[in-house]
Each structure stands twice: as C-alpha cells, then as structure tokens.
C-alpha atoms as a PDB file:
ATOM      1  CA  UNK A   1      -4.420-125.451 115.456  1.00  0.00           C
ATOM      2  CA  UNK A   2      -3.187-125.977 111.881  1.00  0.00           C
ATOM      3  CA  UNK A   3      -0.190-128.105 111.018  1.00  0.00           C
ATOM      4  CA  UNK A   4       3.002-126.065 110.728  1.00  0.00           C
ATOM      5  CA  UNK A   5       6.001-127.021 108.645  1.00  0.00           C
ATOM      6  CA  UNK A   6       9.351-125.570 107.685  1.00  0.00           C
ATOM      7  CA  UNK A   7      12.325-126.473 105.547  1.00  0.00           C
ATOM      8  CA  UNK A   8      16.083-126.442 105.774  1.00  0.00           C
ATOM      9  CA  UNK A   9      17.971-125.954 102.525  1.00  0.00           C
ATOM     10  CA  UNK A  10      21.483-127.253 101.941  1.00  0.00           C
ATOM     11  CA  UNK A  11      23.512-124.542 100.243  1.00  0.00           C
ATOM     12  CA  UNK A  12      25.921-127.247  99.090  1.00  0.00           C
ATOM     13  CA  UNK A  13      23.260-128.977  96.993  1.00  0.00           C
ATOM     14  CA  UNK A  14      20.562-126.437  96.061  1.00  0.00           C
ATOM     15  CA  UNK A  15      21.040-125.275  92.472  1.00  0.00           C
ATOM     16  CA  UNK A  16      18.026-122.981  92.269  1.00  0.00           C
ATOM     17  CA  UNK A  17      16.213-125.143  89.698  1.00  0.00           C
ATOM     18  CA  UNK A  18      12.797-124.101  91.138  1.00  0.00           C
ATOM     19  CA  UNK A  19      11.245-127.563  90.791  1.00  0.00           C
ATOM     20  CA  UNK A  20      10.269-127.381  94.457  1.00  0.00           C
ATOM     21  CA  UNK A  21       8.856-123.870  94.030  1.00  0.00           C
ATOM     22  CA  UNK A  22       6.504-125.044  91.274  1.00  0.00           C
ATOM     23  CA  UNK A  23       5.559-128.239  93.142  1.00  0.00           C
ATOM     24  CA  UNK A  24       4.617-126.516  96.415  1.00  0.00           C
ATOM     25  CA  UNK A  25       0.819-126.751  96.815  1.00  0.00           C
ATOM     26  CA  UNK A  26       0.818-123.878  99.318  1.00  0.00           C
ATOM     27  CA  UNK A  27       2.910-121.613  97.032  1.00  0.00           C
ATOM     28  CA  UNK A  28       5.104-120.437  99.913  1.00  0.00           C
ATOM     29  CA  UNK A  29       8.548-120.998  98.352  1.00  0.00           C
ATOM     30  CA  UNK A  30      10.687-118.772  96.147  1.00  0.00           C
ATOM     31  CA  UNK A  31      14.324-118.298  95.257  1.00  0.00           C
ATOM     32  CA  UNK A  32      16.190-116.067  97.680  1.00  0.00           C
ATOM     33  CA  UNK A  33      17.486-113.397  95.318  1.00  0.00           C
ATOM     34  CA  UNK A  34      19.400-111.748  98.187  1.00  0.00           C
ATOM     35  CA  UNK A  35      21.743-114.726  98.689  1.00  0.00           C
ATOM     36  CA  UNK A  36      24.085-116.904  96.677  1.00  0.00           C
ATOM     37  CA  UNK A  37      25.298-120.379  97.559  1.00  0.00           C
ATOM     38  CA  UNK A  38      29.042-121.141  97.465  1.00  0.00           C
ATOM     39  CA  UNK A  39      28.451-122.479  93.945  1.00  0.00           C
ATOM     40  CA  UNK A  40      26.781-119.236  92.815  1.00  0.00           C
ATOM     41  CA  UNK A  41      23.106-120.237  92.817  1.00  0.00           C
ATOM     42  CA  UNK A  42      20.182-118.437  94.423  1.00  0.00           C
ATOM     43  CA  UNK A  43      18.834-120.984  96.943  1.00  0.00           C
ATOM     44  CA  UNK A  44      15.188-121.611  97.667  1.00  0.00           C
ATOM     45  CA  UNK A  45      13.585-120.401 100.899  1.00  0.00           C
ATOM     46  CA  UNK A  46      10.174-120.076 102.509  1.00  0.00           C
ATOM     47  CA  UNK A  47       8.866-116.692 101.427  1.00  0.00           C
ATOM     48  CA  UNK A  48       5.515-116.786 103.228  1.00  0.00           C
ATOM     49  CA  UNK A  49       3.656-118.439 106.095  1.00  0.00           C
ATOM     50  CA  UNK A  50       1.617-121.519 105.347  1.00  0.00           C
ATOM     51  CA  UNK A  51       4.061-124.418 104.945  1.00  0.00           C
ATOM     52  CA  UNK A  52       2.369-127.599 106.166  1.00  0.00           C
ATOM     53  CA  UNK A  53       5.426-129.842 105.933  1.00  0.00           C
ATOM     54  CA  UNK A  54       3.871-131.974 103.180  1.00  0.00           C
ATOM     55  CA  UNK A  55       7.402-132.706 101.822  1.00  0.00           C
ATOM     56  CA  UNK A  56       6.419-132.582  98.157  1.00  0.00           C
ATOM     57  CA  UNK A  57       9.284-130.125  97.639  1.00  0.00           C
ATOM     58  CA  UNK A  58      11.783-132.624  99.017  1.00  0.00           C
ATOM     59  CA  UNK A  59      10.390-135.415  96.856  1.00  0.00           C
ATOM     60  CA  UNK A  60      10.833-133.479  93.609  1.00  0.00           C
ATOM     61  CA  UNK A  61      14.279-132.060  94.450  1.00  0.00           C
ATOM     62  CA  UNK A  62      16.807-133.809  92.175  1.00  0.00           C
ATOM     63  CA  UNK A  63      19.688-132.845  94.468  1.00  0.00           C
ATOM     64  CA  UNK A  64      18.070-133.889  97.796  1.00  0.00           C
ATOM     65  CA  UNK A  65      18.807-130.371  99.059  1.00  0.00           C
ATOM     66  CA  UNK A  66      15.712-130.016 101.251  1.00  0.00           C
ATOM     67  CA  UNK A  67      14.926-131.327 104.699  1.00  0.00           C
ATOM     68  CA  UNK A  68      11.305-130.880 105.735  1.00  0.00           C
ATOM     69  CA  UNK A  69      10.048-130.645 109.292  1.00  0.00           C
ATOM     70  CA  UNK A  70       6.467-130.875 110.473  1.00  0.00           C
ATOM     71  CA  UNK A  71       4.981-129.881 113.804  1.00  0.00           C
ATOM     72  CA  UNK A  72       1.556-131.333 114.467  1.00  0.00           C
ATOM     73  CA  UNK A  73      -0.868-130.153 117.131  1.00  0.00           C
ATOM     74  CA  UNK A  74      -0.464-131.922 120.458  1.00  0.00           C
ATOM     75  CA  UNK A  75      -2.988-134.762 120.291  1.00  0.00           C
ATOM     76  CA  UNK A  76      -2.730-135.377 124.037  1.00  0.00           C
ATOM     77  CA  UNK A  77      -4.211-131.957 124.765  1.00  0.00           C
ATOM     78  CA  UNK A  78      -7.174-132.568 122.470  1.00  0.00           C
ATOM     79  CA  UNK A  79      -7.760-136.084 123.756  1.00  0.00           C
ATOM     80  CA  UNK A  80      -7.699-135.193 127.457  1.00  0.00           C
ATOM     81  CA  UNK A  81     -11.053-135.953 129.126  1.00  0.00           C
ATOM     82  CA  UNK A  82     -12.998-133.020 130.503  1.00  0.00           C
ATOM     83  CA  UNK A  83     -12.735-132.632 134.260  1.00  0.00           C
ATOM     84  CA  UNK A  84     -15.950-132.776 136.091  1.00  0.00           C
END
C-alpha cells in the first residue's frame, strides 16, 4: 500500500504564489481557479491523486499557508506473524 498524503490550505495566508506548485515532486498541485480567498487570491489545492505527504510544499511556502498530513501503511499488519 503506497503512502498517502493530503494538504490543508489556509485561505488567510495563501497568496497563490505557486512556489509549492513548482516544488511538488509529484506534480499534483495547482491553483484553484474556481475559488478566491478573502484577500482575492486563487489558493492552491491538490488537483490529482498521488500526494505522498513529503511536505516539500510546506517547506517552500513563504506564508506558512500549508499543513501537510501523511498516512502510512499500518506496520502492525505487515509485521504480524503468520498463523500456523
């Protein structure tokens, strides 16, 4: 099972600079051209599957507008001894 990640974007801080979009190694982020933040910017969003939660986007964001979450496969299930 691959690692799955997702992001939350703060509309108060995201200014649509696209630094995170260009830094994303999985190329799954884009500006959401259907929405505007209260300050009038198009915020970033995940536009495709494939985020691994690497957090590079959050590291390059000058406004600290991104929170990254990462769900890893359950190691306990893989490490369980075989019955028998």
